[in-house]
N, C-alpha and C. Protein backbone atom coordinates (compact mmCIF):
# COMPACT_ATOMS: atom_id res chain seq x y z
N MET A 1 10.87 -9.43 -1.56
CA MET A 1 11.89 -10.19 -0.83
C MET A 1 11.19 -11.09 0.17
N GLY A 2 11.67 -12.33 0.33
CA GLY A 2 11.06 -13.22 1.30
C GLY A 2 12.05 -14.19 1.88
N TYR A 3 11.86 -14.54 3.16
CA TYR A 3 12.66 -15.58 3.79
C TYR A 3 12.03 -16.92 3.42
N LEU A 4 12.76 -17.79 2.77
CA LEU A 4 12.20 -19.04 2.27
C LEU A 4 12.28 -20.18 3.28
N ASP A 5 13.08 -20.04 4.30
CA ASP A 5 13.25 -21.10 5.28
C ASP A 5 13.32 -20.46 6.65
N ASN A 6 12.59 -21.01 7.63
CA ASN A 6 12.56 -20.38 8.94
C ASN A 6 13.66 -20.85 9.88
N SER A 7 14.58 -21.71 9.40
CA SER A 7 15.66 -22.17 10.26
C SER A 7 17.00 -21.56 9.88
N ILE A 8 17.13 -21.09 8.64
CA ILE A 8 18.34 -20.41 8.21
C ILE A 8 17.94 -19.14 7.46
N VAL A 9 18.85 -18.20 7.37
CA VAL A 9 18.55 -16.94 6.70
C VAL A 9 18.84 -17.09 5.21
N THR A 10 17.83 -17.57 4.47
CA THR A 10 17.91 -17.69 3.02
C THR A 10 16.97 -16.66 2.44
N VAL A 11 17.47 -15.72 1.67
CA VAL A 11 16.66 -14.62 1.18
C VAL A 11 16.48 -14.73 -0.33
N ASP A 12 15.23 -14.65 -0.77
CA ASP A 12 14.90 -14.64 -2.19
C ASP A 12 14.50 -13.21 -2.54
N ALA A 13 15.25 -12.55 -3.39
CA ALA A 13 14.98 -11.15 -3.71
C ALA A 13 14.96 -10.96 -5.22
N ILE A 14 14.04 -10.13 -5.69
CA ILE A 14 14.00 -9.77 -7.09
C ILE A 14 13.95 -8.25 -7.20
N LEU A 15 14.31 -7.74 -8.35
CA LEU A 15 14.29 -6.30 -8.57
C LEU A 15 13.08 -5.90 -9.40
N THR A 16 12.55 -4.72 -9.12
CA THR A 16 11.50 -4.18 -9.96
C THR A 16 12.13 -3.70 -11.27
N LYS A 17 11.29 -3.29 -12.20
CA LYS A 17 11.77 -2.79 -13.49
C LYS A 17 12.69 -1.59 -13.28
N LYS A 18 12.32 -0.71 -12.34
CA LYS A 18 13.16 0.46 -12.05
C LYS A 18 14.48 0.03 -11.43
N GLY A 19 14.44 -0.97 -10.54
CA GLY A 19 15.67 -1.46 -9.92
C GLY A 19 16.62 -2.05 -10.94
N ARG A 20 16.08 -2.83 -11.89
CA ARG A 20 16.93 -3.41 -12.94
C ARG A 20 17.54 -2.31 -13.81
N GLU A 21 16.76 -1.27 -14.05
CA GLU A 21 17.27 -0.14 -14.85
C GLU A 21 18.45 0.53 -14.16
N LEU A 22 18.34 0.76 -12.87
CA LEU A 22 19.43 1.41 -12.13
C LEU A 22 20.65 0.51 -12.05
N LEU A 23 20.42 -0.81 -11.84
CA LEU A 23 21.54 -1.75 -11.76
C LEU A 23 22.28 -1.82 -13.09
N ALA A 24 21.53 -1.77 -14.19
CA ALA A 24 22.14 -1.88 -15.52
C ALA A 24 23.03 -0.68 -15.85
N ARG A 25 22.80 0.43 -15.21
CA ARG A 25 23.62 1.61 -15.49
C ARG A 25 25.09 1.39 -15.12
N GLY A 26 25.30 0.62 -14.04
CA GLY A 26 26.66 0.33 -13.61
C GLY A 26 27.43 1.54 -13.13
N ASP A 27 26.72 2.59 -12.73
CA ASP A 27 27.39 3.81 -12.30
C ASP A 27 27.24 4.08 -10.80
N GLY A 28 26.79 3.05 -10.08
CA GLY A 28 26.63 3.21 -8.64
C GLY A 28 25.32 3.83 -8.22
N SER A 29 24.43 4.08 -9.19
CA SER A 29 23.15 4.71 -8.85
C SER A 29 22.19 3.73 -8.18
N PHE A 30 22.49 2.41 -8.29
CA PHE A 30 21.66 1.41 -7.62
C PHE A 30 22.15 1.27 -6.18
N LYS A 31 21.41 1.85 -5.25
CA LYS A 31 21.77 1.80 -3.84
C LYS A 31 20.50 1.56 -3.03
N ILE A 32 20.54 0.55 -2.19
CA ILE A 32 19.41 0.26 -1.32
C ILE A 32 19.56 1.13 -0.07
N THR A 33 18.68 2.10 0.10
CA THR A 33 18.76 3.01 1.24
C THR A 33 17.66 2.75 2.26
N GLN A 34 16.60 2.03 1.85
CA GLN A 34 15.51 1.73 2.76
C GLN A 34 14.96 0.34 2.45
N PHE A 35 14.39 -0.29 3.45
CA PHE A 35 13.71 -1.56 3.21
C PHE A 35 12.60 -1.70 4.25
N ALA A 36 11.69 -2.60 3.98
CA ALA A 36 10.58 -2.84 4.89
C ALA A 36 10.40 -4.34 5.08
N LEU A 37 9.86 -4.72 6.22
CA LEU A 37 9.56 -6.11 6.53
C LEU A 37 8.06 -6.26 6.75
N SER A 38 7.54 -7.40 6.38
CA SER A 38 6.12 -7.65 6.59
C SER A 38 5.89 -9.09 7.02
N ASP A 39 4.69 -9.37 7.49
CA ASP A 39 4.36 -10.74 7.88
C ASP A 39 3.04 -11.16 7.23
N ASP A 40 2.96 -10.92 5.92
CA ASP A 40 1.74 -11.24 5.17
C ASP A 40 1.31 -12.69 5.34
N GLU A 41 2.27 -13.60 5.41
CA GLU A 41 1.95 -15.03 5.40
C GLU A 41 1.54 -15.59 6.76
N ILE A 42 1.67 -14.79 7.81
CA ILE A 42 1.50 -15.31 9.16
C ILE A 42 0.06 -15.22 9.64
N ASP A 43 -0.46 -16.33 10.12
CA ASP A 43 -1.78 -16.38 10.75
C ASP A 43 -1.57 -16.57 12.25
N TYR A 44 -1.66 -15.48 13.00
CA TYR A 44 -1.34 -15.53 14.42
C TYR A 44 -2.39 -16.28 15.24
N THR A 45 -3.52 -16.56 14.64
CA THR A 45 -4.53 -17.34 15.39
C THR A 45 -4.09 -18.79 15.56
N LEU A 46 -3.03 -19.20 14.84
CA LEU A 46 -2.52 -20.57 14.97
C LEU A 46 -1.63 -20.74 16.20
N TYR A 47 -1.29 -19.64 16.88
CA TYR A 47 -0.50 -19.75 18.11
C TYR A 47 -1.33 -20.47 19.16
N ASN A 48 -0.78 -21.56 19.71
CA ASN A 48 -1.55 -22.45 20.57
C ASN A 48 -0.91 -22.60 21.94
N PRO A 49 -1.29 -21.76 22.90
CA PRO A 49 -0.71 -21.84 24.25
C PRO A 49 -1.20 -23.04 25.06
N THR A 50 -2.07 -23.86 24.46
CA THR A 50 -2.56 -25.06 25.16
C THR A 50 -2.01 -26.33 24.52
N HIS A 51 -0.96 -26.20 23.71
CA HIS A 51 -0.39 -27.36 23.03
C HIS A 51 0.03 -28.41 24.07
N ASN A 52 -0.33 -29.66 23.84
CA ASN A 52 -0.09 -30.70 24.85
C ASN A 52 1.38 -31.08 25.00
N LEU A 53 2.26 -30.57 24.08
CA LEU A 53 3.69 -30.88 24.19
C LEU A 53 4.48 -29.77 24.88
N GLY A 54 3.79 -28.73 25.32
CA GLY A 54 4.47 -27.69 26.08
C GLY A 54 4.76 -26.42 25.29
N SER A 55 5.36 -25.45 25.98
CA SER A 55 5.55 -24.10 25.43
C SER A 55 6.44 -24.07 24.19
N GLN A 56 7.34 -25.03 24.06
CA GLN A 56 8.23 -25.05 22.91
C GLN A 56 7.45 -25.25 21.60
N PHE A 57 6.24 -25.74 21.70
CA PHE A 57 5.44 -26.05 20.52
C PHE A 57 4.26 -25.10 20.33
N TYR A 58 4.17 -24.06 21.16
CA TYR A 58 3.07 -23.13 21.04
C TYR A 58 3.00 -22.52 19.63
N GLY A 59 4.14 -22.16 19.08
CA GLY A 59 4.17 -21.49 17.78
C GLY A 59 4.56 -22.39 16.63
N GLN A 60 4.55 -23.69 16.84
CA GLN A 60 5.00 -24.63 15.81
C GLN A 60 4.22 -24.48 14.50
N ALA A 61 2.90 -24.34 14.58
CA ALA A 61 2.08 -24.23 13.38
C ALA A 61 2.44 -22.96 12.59
N ILE A 62 2.75 -21.89 13.30
CA ILE A 62 3.13 -20.64 12.64
C ILE A 62 4.48 -20.80 11.95
N GLU A 63 5.41 -21.42 12.64
CA GLU A 63 6.76 -21.58 12.08
C GLU A 63 6.76 -22.47 10.84
N ASN A 64 5.78 -23.33 10.71
CA ASN A 64 5.72 -24.25 9.57
C ASN A 64 4.89 -23.72 8.40
N LEU A 65 4.40 -22.48 8.52
CA LEU A 65 3.62 -21.91 7.42
C LEU A 65 4.50 -21.69 6.19
N PRO A 66 3.97 -21.93 4.99
CA PRO A 66 4.76 -21.67 3.77
C PRO A 66 4.97 -20.18 3.58
N MET A 67 6.11 -19.80 3.01
CA MET A 67 6.43 -18.39 2.79
C MET A 67 6.27 -18.04 1.32
N LEU A 68 5.81 -16.84 1.07
CA LEU A 68 5.64 -16.38 -0.30
C LEU A 68 6.98 -16.14 -0.97
N GLU A 69 7.08 -16.50 -2.24
CA GLU A 69 8.26 -16.10 -3.00
C GLU A 69 8.10 -14.65 -3.43
N ALA A 70 9.21 -14.01 -3.70
CA ALA A 70 9.18 -12.59 -4.03
C ALA A 70 8.55 -12.34 -5.39
N PHE A 71 7.67 -11.34 -5.47
CA PHE A 71 7.16 -10.86 -6.75
C PHE A 71 6.77 -9.38 -6.59
N PRO A 72 7.01 -8.58 -7.63
CA PRO A 72 6.90 -7.11 -7.51
C PRO A 72 5.50 -6.57 -7.78
N ASP A 73 4.52 -7.02 -7.03
CA ASP A 73 3.15 -6.51 -7.19
C ASP A 73 2.72 -5.93 -5.85
N GLU A 74 2.75 -4.59 -5.77
CA GLU A 74 2.49 -3.93 -4.49
C GLU A 74 1.06 -4.11 -4.01
N THR A 75 0.15 -4.59 -4.88
CA THR A 75 -1.22 -4.82 -4.44
C THR A 75 -1.39 -6.18 -3.78
N GLN A 76 -0.38 -7.06 -3.90
CA GLN A 76 -0.49 -8.41 -3.39
C GLN A 76 0.52 -8.75 -2.31
N VAL A 77 1.60 -8.00 -2.19
CA VAL A 77 2.62 -8.27 -1.19
C VAL A 77 2.85 -7.06 -0.30
N MET A 78 3.50 -7.29 0.81
CA MET A 78 3.82 -6.24 1.78
C MET A 78 2.57 -5.49 2.25
N LYS A 79 1.49 -6.23 2.42
CA LYS A 79 0.26 -5.60 2.89
C LYS A 79 0.31 -5.30 4.38
N TYR A 80 1.03 -6.15 5.11
CA TYR A 80 1.05 -6.01 6.57
C TYR A 80 2.49 -5.81 7.03
N LYS A 81 2.94 -4.57 6.93
CA LYS A 81 4.33 -4.25 7.24
C LYS A 81 4.55 -4.19 8.75
N LEU A 82 5.75 -4.60 9.16
CA LEU A 82 6.13 -4.52 10.56
C LEU A 82 6.57 -3.09 10.86
N THR A 83 6.17 -2.59 11.99
CA THR A 83 6.51 -1.22 12.36
C THR A 83 7.04 -1.18 13.79
N THR A 84 7.80 -0.15 14.08
CA THR A 84 8.31 0.07 15.43
C THR A 84 7.55 1.23 16.04
N LEU A 85 6.83 0.96 17.12
CA LEU A 85 6.04 1.98 17.80
C LEU A 85 6.67 2.30 19.15
N PRO A 86 6.41 3.50 19.68
CA PRO A 86 6.99 3.89 20.96
C PRO A 86 6.63 2.91 22.07
N ARG A 87 7.57 2.70 22.98
CA ARG A 87 7.31 1.81 24.12
C ARG A 87 6.11 2.33 24.92
N GLY A 88 5.26 1.41 25.30
CA GLY A 88 4.08 1.80 26.07
C GLY A 88 2.87 2.09 25.21
N THR A 89 3.00 1.92 23.88
CA THR A 89 1.85 2.16 23.01
C THR A 89 0.72 1.20 23.35
N ALA A 90 -0.45 1.74 23.63
CA ALA A 90 -1.57 0.90 24.04
C ALA A 90 -2.56 0.65 22.91
N LYS A 91 -2.52 1.52 21.88
CA LYS A 91 -3.45 1.38 20.76
C LYS A 91 -2.67 1.43 19.45
N LEU A 92 -3.05 0.59 18.50
CA LEU A 92 -2.42 0.62 17.19
C LEU A 92 -2.90 1.83 16.40
N PRO A 93 -2.00 2.46 15.63
CA PRO A 93 -2.41 3.60 14.80
C PRO A 93 -3.43 3.15 13.75
N ILE A 94 -4.37 3.99 13.45
CA ILE A 94 -5.33 3.74 12.38
C ILE A 94 -5.44 5.01 11.54
N LEU A 95 -5.90 4.85 10.31
CA LEU A 95 -6.02 5.99 9.40
C LEU A 95 -7.46 6.47 9.30
N ASP A 96 -7.59 7.77 9.16
CA ASP A 96 -8.88 8.40 8.90
C ASP A 96 -8.74 9.22 7.63
N LEU A 97 -9.47 8.83 6.57
CA LEU A 97 -9.39 9.54 5.30
C LEU A 97 -10.44 10.64 5.19
N GLY A 98 -11.35 10.67 6.16
CA GLY A 98 -12.45 11.61 6.06
C GLY A 98 -13.61 11.04 5.26
N TYR A 99 -13.41 9.85 4.69
CA TYR A 99 -14.44 9.19 3.89
C TYR A 99 -14.40 7.69 4.17
N THR A 100 -15.55 7.07 4.24
CA THR A 100 -15.61 5.61 4.32
C THR A 100 -15.73 5.01 2.93
N SER A 101 -16.10 5.84 1.96
CA SER A 101 -16.15 5.46 0.55
C SER A 101 -16.09 6.74 -0.27
N ILE A 102 -15.71 6.59 -1.54
CA ILE A 102 -15.64 7.74 -2.44
C ILE A 102 -16.55 7.48 -3.63
N ARG A 103 -17.36 8.48 -3.96
CA ARG A 103 -18.27 8.39 -5.10
C ARG A 103 -18.15 9.69 -5.89
N LEU A 104 -17.66 9.58 -7.12
CA LEU A 104 -17.42 10.75 -7.95
C LEU A 104 -18.17 10.64 -9.27
N LYS A 105 -18.74 11.74 -9.71
CA LYS A 105 -19.29 11.80 -11.06
C LYS A 105 -18.16 12.01 -12.05
N GLN A 106 -18.39 11.68 -13.30
CA GLN A 106 -17.38 11.86 -14.34
C GLN A 106 -16.85 13.29 -14.33
N GLY A 107 -15.51 13.41 -14.33
CA GLY A 107 -14.87 14.72 -14.37
C GLY A 107 -14.76 15.42 -13.04
N ALA A 108 -15.43 14.91 -12.00
CA ALA A 108 -15.38 15.54 -10.68
C ALA A 108 -14.05 15.25 -10.00
N SER A 109 -13.62 16.18 -9.14
CA SER A 109 -12.32 16.06 -8.45
C SER A 109 -12.51 16.02 -6.94
N LEU A 110 -11.53 15.42 -6.28
CA LEU A 110 -11.56 15.31 -4.82
C LEU A 110 -10.13 15.23 -4.30
N ALA A 111 -9.87 15.92 -3.19
CA ALA A 111 -8.57 15.82 -2.52
C ALA A 111 -8.77 15.07 -1.20
N VAL A 112 -8.02 13.99 -1.03
CA VAL A 112 -8.09 13.18 0.20
C VAL A 112 -6.86 13.47 1.04
N THR A 113 -7.07 13.93 2.26
CA THR A 113 -5.96 14.25 3.16
C THR A 113 -6.02 13.33 4.38
N PRO A 114 -5.25 12.24 4.36
CA PRO A 114 -5.31 11.28 5.46
C PRO A 114 -4.79 11.86 6.78
N GLN A 115 -5.29 11.32 7.86
CA GLN A 115 -4.77 11.62 9.18
C GLN A 115 -4.58 10.31 9.93
N THR A 116 -3.59 10.28 10.82
CA THR A 116 -3.30 9.07 11.58
C THR A 116 -3.74 9.27 13.02
N LEU A 117 -4.53 8.35 13.50
CA LEU A 117 -5.04 8.40 14.87
C LEU A 117 -4.22 7.46 15.76
N ASN A 118 -4.08 7.82 17.03
CA ASN A 118 -3.38 7.00 18.02
C ASN A 118 -1.90 6.80 17.67
N TYR A 119 -1.23 7.86 17.24
CA TYR A 119 0.16 7.70 16.83
C TYR A 119 1.05 8.74 17.52
N LEU A 120 2.18 8.26 18.06
CA LEU A 120 3.16 9.12 18.73
C LEU A 120 2.54 9.95 19.85
N GLY A 121 1.63 9.33 20.57
CA GLY A 121 1.02 9.99 21.71
C GLY A 121 -0.02 11.02 21.36
N SER A 122 -0.36 11.11 20.08
CA SER A 122 -1.35 12.09 19.64
C SER A 122 -2.61 11.38 19.19
N SER A 123 -3.76 11.99 19.49
CA SER A 123 -5.02 11.38 19.06
C SER A 123 -5.23 11.55 17.56
N GLN A 124 -4.57 12.55 16.97
CA GLN A 124 -4.74 12.84 15.54
C GLN A 124 -3.51 13.58 15.03
N THR A 125 -2.90 13.08 13.96
CA THR A 125 -1.70 13.73 13.45
C THR A 125 -1.53 13.44 11.96
N PHE A 126 -0.70 14.26 11.29
CA PHE A 126 -0.30 14.01 9.92
C PHE A 126 1.12 13.45 9.95
N GLU A 127 1.36 12.38 9.21
CA GLU A 127 2.68 11.75 9.24
C GLU A 127 3.67 12.52 8.39
N ALA A 128 4.86 12.76 8.94
CA ALA A 128 5.88 13.53 8.24
C ALA A 128 6.30 12.86 6.93
N GLY A 129 6.33 11.52 6.93
CA GLY A 129 6.74 10.79 5.74
C GLY A 129 5.66 10.70 4.68
N GLY A 130 4.46 11.15 5.02
CA GLY A 130 3.36 11.11 4.07
C GLY A 130 2.68 9.75 4.02
N TYR A 131 1.94 9.55 2.96
CA TYR A 131 1.13 8.35 2.81
C TYR A 131 1.31 7.75 1.41
N VAL A 132 1.28 6.43 1.34
CA VAL A 132 1.31 5.72 0.07
C VAL A 132 -0.13 5.34 -0.28
N ALA A 133 -0.58 5.75 -1.46
CA ALA A 133 -1.96 5.48 -1.87
C ALA A 133 -1.96 4.69 -3.16
N THR A 134 -2.63 3.55 -3.16
CA THR A 134 -2.69 2.67 -4.33
C THR A 134 -4.12 2.54 -4.82
N LEU A 135 -4.34 2.93 -6.07
CA LEU A 135 -5.63 2.77 -6.72
C LEU A 135 -5.60 1.47 -7.50
N ALA A 136 -6.56 0.59 -7.25
CA ALA A 136 -6.52 -0.75 -7.84
C ALA A 136 -6.67 -0.74 -9.36
N ASP A 137 -7.45 0.20 -9.90
CA ASP A 137 -7.64 0.30 -11.35
C ASP A 137 -7.47 1.76 -11.75
N ALA A 138 -6.33 2.10 -12.31
CA ALA A 138 -6.01 3.50 -12.62
C ALA A 138 -6.84 4.07 -13.76
N ARG A 139 -7.51 3.22 -14.53
CA ARG A 139 -8.30 3.71 -15.67
C ARG A 139 -9.47 4.58 -15.24
N VAL A 140 -9.99 4.37 -14.03
CA VAL A 140 -11.21 5.07 -13.64
C VAL A 140 -10.98 6.54 -13.31
N LEU A 141 -9.71 6.95 -13.24
CA LEU A 141 -9.40 8.35 -12.94
C LEU A 141 -8.69 9.01 -14.10
N GLN A 142 -9.04 10.24 -14.34
CA GLN A 142 -8.37 11.04 -15.37
C GLN A 142 -7.02 11.52 -14.88
N THR A 143 -6.99 11.99 -13.63
CA THR A 143 -5.73 12.37 -12.99
C THR A 143 -5.71 11.79 -11.58
N TYR A 144 -4.51 11.41 -11.16
CA TYR A 144 -4.33 10.79 -9.85
C TYR A 144 -2.91 11.04 -9.41
N ASN A 145 -2.72 11.86 -8.38
CA ASN A 145 -1.37 12.18 -7.92
C ASN A 145 -1.36 12.55 -6.45
N GLY A 146 -0.16 12.50 -5.89
CA GLY A 146 0.03 12.90 -4.51
C GLY A 146 0.80 14.20 -4.46
N VAL A 147 0.56 15.02 -3.44
CA VAL A 147 1.27 16.29 -3.27
C VAL A 147 1.76 16.37 -1.82
N GLY A 148 2.80 17.15 -1.62
CA GLY A 148 3.30 17.40 -0.27
C GLY A 148 4.57 16.67 0.08
N ILE A 149 4.97 15.67 -0.70
CA ILE A 149 6.22 14.95 -0.50
C ILE A 149 7.04 15.07 -1.78
N ASN A 150 8.25 15.60 -1.67
CA ASN A 150 9.04 15.91 -2.86
C ASN A 150 10.30 15.08 -3.01
N THR A 151 10.29 13.86 -2.47
CA THR A 151 11.44 12.98 -2.63
C THR A 151 11.48 12.44 -4.07
N PRO A 152 12.64 11.99 -4.54
CA PRO A 152 12.71 11.41 -5.90
C PRO A 152 11.73 10.26 -6.11
N GLU A 153 11.55 9.42 -5.08
CA GLU A 153 10.62 8.30 -5.20
C GLU A 153 9.20 8.79 -5.41
N ALA A 154 8.80 9.79 -4.61
CA ALA A 154 7.44 10.33 -4.73
C ALA A 154 7.22 10.97 -6.09
N GLU A 155 8.21 11.73 -6.55
CA GLU A 155 8.08 12.40 -7.85
C GLU A 155 8.00 11.39 -8.97
N ARG A 156 8.76 10.30 -8.87
CA ARG A 156 8.73 9.26 -9.92
C ARG A 156 7.35 8.60 -9.97
N LEU A 157 6.82 8.22 -8.80
CA LEU A 157 5.51 7.57 -8.77
C LEU A 157 4.40 8.50 -9.25
N ASN A 158 4.48 9.76 -8.82
CA ASN A 158 3.43 10.71 -9.16
C ASN A 158 3.41 11.05 -10.65
N SER A 159 4.54 10.84 -11.33
CA SER A 159 4.62 11.17 -12.75
C SER A 159 4.38 9.96 -13.66
N THR A 160 4.25 8.78 -13.05
CA THR A 160 4.06 7.55 -13.84
C THR A 160 2.66 7.50 -14.43
N THR A 161 2.57 7.13 -15.72
CA THR A 161 1.28 6.95 -16.37
C THR A 161 1.07 5.47 -16.68
N THR A 162 -0.19 5.08 -16.86
CA THR A 162 -0.51 3.67 -17.10
C THR A 162 -1.00 3.41 -18.52
N LEU A 163 -1.09 4.45 -19.35
CA LEU A 163 -1.47 4.31 -20.75
C LEU A 163 -2.82 3.62 -20.93
N GLY A 164 -3.72 3.85 -19.98
CA GLY A 164 -5.08 3.34 -20.11
C GLY A 164 -5.25 1.86 -19.87
N THR A 165 -4.24 1.21 -19.32
CA THR A 165 -4.34 -0.22 -19.07
C THR A 165 -4.94 -0.50 -17.69
N ASN A 166 -5.51 -1.68 -17.54
CA ASN A 166 -6.17 -2.06 -16.30
C ASN A 166 -5.14 -2.52 -15.28
N VAL A 167 -4.44 -1.56 -14.68
CA VAL A 167 -3.43 -1.86 -13.67
C VAL A 167 -3.59 -0.88 -12.51
N SER A 168 -2.94 -1.21 -11.42
CA SER A 168 -2.97 -0.32 -10.27
C SER A 168 -1.96 0.81 -10.45
N LYS A 169 -2.14 1.86 -9.68
CA LYS A 169 -1.17 2.95 -9.68
C LYS A 169 -0.98 3.41 -8.24
N THR A 170 0.28 3.63 -7.87
CA THR A 170 0.63 4.05 -6.52
C THR A 170 1.26 5.43 -6.54
N VAL A 171 0.83 6.29 -5.61
CA VAL A 171 1.40 7.62 -5.48
C VAL A 171 1.74 7.87 -4.02
N ILE A 172 2.54 8.90 -3.78
CA ILE A 172 2.94 9.26 -2.42
C ILE A 172 2.67 10.74 -2.19
N GLY A 173 2.15 11.07 -1.02
CA GLY A 173 1.92 12.47 -0.69
C GLY A 173 1.30 12.61 0.68
N THR A 174 1.16 13.85 1.12
CA THR A 174 0.41 14.13 2.34
C THR A 174 -1.06 14.34 2.00
N SER A 175 -1.32 14.60 0.71
CA SER A 175 -2.68 14.71 0.21
C SER A 175 -2.74 14.03 -1.15
N ILE A 176 -3.85 13.39 -1.44
CA ILE A 176 -4.01 12.63 -2.68
C ILE A 176 -5.13 13.26 -3.50
N ASN A 177 -4.82 13.63 -4.77
CA ASN A 177 -5.80 14.27 -5.64
C ASN A 177 -6.36 13.27 -6.65
N LEU A 178 -7.68 13.26 -6.77
CA LEU A 178 -8.35 12.35 -7.70
C LEU A 178 -9.30 13.13 -8.59
N THR A 179 -9.28 12.83 -9.88
CA THR A 179 -10.26 13.37 -10.82
C THR A 179 -10.81 12.22 -11.64
N ALA A 180 -12.13 12.07 -11.63
CA ALA A 180 -12.77 10.93 -12.30
C ALA A 180 -12.63 11.03 -13.81
N THR A 181 -12.57 9.87 -14.45
CA THR A 181 -12.44 9.81 -15.90
C THR A 181 -13.65 10.42 -16.59
N THR A 182 -13.42 10.93 -17.81
CA THR A 182 -14.52 11.41 -18.65
C THR A 182 -14.74 10.48 -19.84
N VAL A 183 -14.02 9.36 -19.89
CA VAL A 183 -14.11 8.41 -21.00
C VAL A 183 -15.34 7.52 -20.83
N ASN A 184 -16.26 7.60 -21.78
CA ASN A 184 -17.50 6.83 -21.70
C ASN A 184 -17.33 5.36 -22.01
N THR A 185 -16.38 5.03 -22.89
CA THR A 185 -16.24 3.65 -23.36
C THR A 185 -15.89 2.69 -22.24
N LEU A 186 -15.29 3.18 -21.16
CA LEU A 186 -14.93 2.31 -20.05
C LEU A 186 -16.16 1.70 -19.38
N PHE A 187 -17.29 2.40 -19.47
CA PHE A 187 -18.48 1.96 -18.75
C PHE A 187 -19.20 0.82 -19.45
N GLY A 188 -19.05 0.73 -20.77
CA GLY A 188 -19.82 -0.27 -21.50
C GLY A 188 -21.29 -0.05 -21.29
N THR A 189 -22.00 -1.07 -20.82
CA THR A 189 -23.43 -0.94 -20.56
C THR A 189 -23.72 -0.55 -19.10
N GLN A 190 -22.66 -0.39 -18.32
CA GLN A 190 -22.82 -0.06 -16.90
C GLN A 190 -22.90 1.45 -16.70
N THR A 191 -23.46 1.85 -15.59
CA THR A 191 -23.54 3.27 -15.25
C THR A 191 -22.51 3.68 -14.20
N THR A 192 -21.80 2.70 -13.65
CA THR A 192 -20.77 3.00 -12.65
C THR A 192 -19.53 2.14 -12.88
N LEU A 193 -18.41 2.62 -12.40
CA LEU A 193 -17.17 1.86 -12.37
C LEU A 193 -16.76 1.70 -10.91
N GLN A 194 -16.23 0.52 -10.57
CA GLN A 194 -15.87 0.23 -9.19
C GLN A 194 -14.38 -0.11 -9.07
N THR A 195 -13.74 0.42 -8.03
CA THR A 195 -12.37 0.03 -7.70
C THR A 195 -12.15 0.30 -6.22
N THR A 196 -10.92 0.21 -5.76
CA THR A 196 -10.62 0.48 -4.35
C THR A 196 -9.40 1.38 -4.24
N LEU A 197 -9.35 2.10 -3.15
CA LEU A 197 -8.20 2.95 -2.82
C LEU A 197 -7.62 2.46 -1.49
N THR A 198 -6.35 2.09 -1.50
CA THR A 198 -5.67 1.63 -0.28
C THR A 198 -4.62 2.65 0.11
N VAL A 199 -4.67 3.12 1.34
CA VAL A 199 -3.75 4.14 1.84
C VAL A 199 -2.98 3.57 3.03
N ILE A 200 -1.67 3.78 3.03
CA ILE A 200 -0.79 3.28 4.09
C ILE A 200 0.05 4.43 4.63
N GLY A 201 0.12 4.58 5.93
CA GLY A 201 1.00 5.57 6.54
C GLY A 201 2.45 5.13 6.42
N ARG A 202 3.31 5.97 5.86
CA ARG A 202 4.69 5.58 5.63
C ARG A 202 5.49 5.50 6.92
N ASP A 203 5.07 6.18 7.95
CA ASP A 203 5.78 6.13 9.24
C ASP A 203 5.14 5.13 10.20
N SER A 204 3.82 5.11 10.24
CA SER A 204 3.12 4.27 11.23
C SER A 204 2.84 2.87 10.73
N GLY A 205 2.71 2.70 9.40
CA GLY A 205 2.31 1.41 8.85
C GLY A 205 0.82 1.16 8.90
N ALA A 206 0.06 2.13 9.43
CA ALA A 206 -1.40 1.98 9.48
C ALA A 206 -1.95 1.92 8.06
N ARG A 207 -3.03 1.17 7.89
CA ARG A 207 -3.53 0.86 6.55
C ARG A 207 -5.05 0.89 6.53
N ILE A 208 -5.61 1.38 5.40
CA ILE A 208 -7.05 1.36 5.24
C ILE A 208 -7.38 1.22 3.75
N THR A 209 -8.46 0.51 3.44
CA THR A 209 -8.93 0.36 2.07
C THR A 209 -10.40 0.76 2.01
N ILE A 210 -10.75 1.62 1.04
CA ILE A 210 -12.13 2.05 0.89
C ILE A 210 -12.56 1.87 -0.57
N PRO A 211 -13.84 1.68 -0.83
CA PRO A 211 -14.32 1.54 -2.21
C PRO A 211 -14.40 2.89 -2.91
N VAL A 212 -14.16 2.87 -4.22
CA VAL A 212 -14.26 4.07 -5.06
C VAL A 212 -15.24 3.77 -6.19
N THR A 213 -16.22 4.65 -6.37
CA THR A 213 -17.22 4.49 -7.42
C THR A 213 -17.24 5.71 -8.32
N ILE A 214 -17.16 5.49 -9.62
CA ILE A 214 -17.26 6.56 -10.60
C ILE A 214 -18.60 6.43 -11.31
N VAL A 215 -19.37 7.53 -11.34
CA VAL A 215 -20.72 7.50 -11.88
C VAL A 215 -20.75 8.14 -13.26
N LYS A 216 -21.32 7.44 -14.22
CA LYS A 216 -21.42 7.96 -15.59
C LYS A 216 -22.49 9.04 -15.68
N VAL A 217 -22.13 10.19 -16.27
CA VAL A 217 -23.09 11.27 -16.46
C VAL A 217 -23.13 11.74 -17.90
N ASN A 218 -22.08 11.42 -18.71
CA ASN A 218 -22.02 11.86 -20.10
C ASN A 218 -22.65 10.84 -21.02
N ASN A 219 -23.38 11.29 -22.00
CA ASN A 219 -24.00 10.42 -22.97
C ASN A 219 -23.17 10.33 -24.26
């Protein structure tokens, strides 16, 4: 969803494949219960408090920025979601995955349990809503799922398969389980596979991306 004009409220919205499926049922199962806002297109460095025409023009360059049209690719949109933090918050929440990078041998498993720092007055906490984790290339893992959140949305994402195609996969949980692929053909002549893991706090909006490397060990 995107606002196409900054002077009037014109909204461009599209449905995902799942949304179209629910709408087509015609039984009232299509209900929007949550939504999020982001400012992916905004470059705040363009704010100019020294503009020679005065304060009314400080944000003119920002207001004139082009807006993205809606498209359902979670790896390219809604990267910078707007969040509401407690009044008096002095530090933005950040995520700690316990790893700055992940390196797994074929068939090896790892559980990643994110923690949120500087959130709700606590130096370290686990978010009640859990975390959204997106793997850029789902082929590199044999299994990839989230645990700890049992909402219908989380269960749907955690059960989705990609049929070996080069696409991203998103899961939800308080902990994320990864098991490296055992398929040799993916490596070709290479000895490693590279991708990224992006984790977002569902309550705080804090975000982190780390590299993931799978090392070939089977001949």
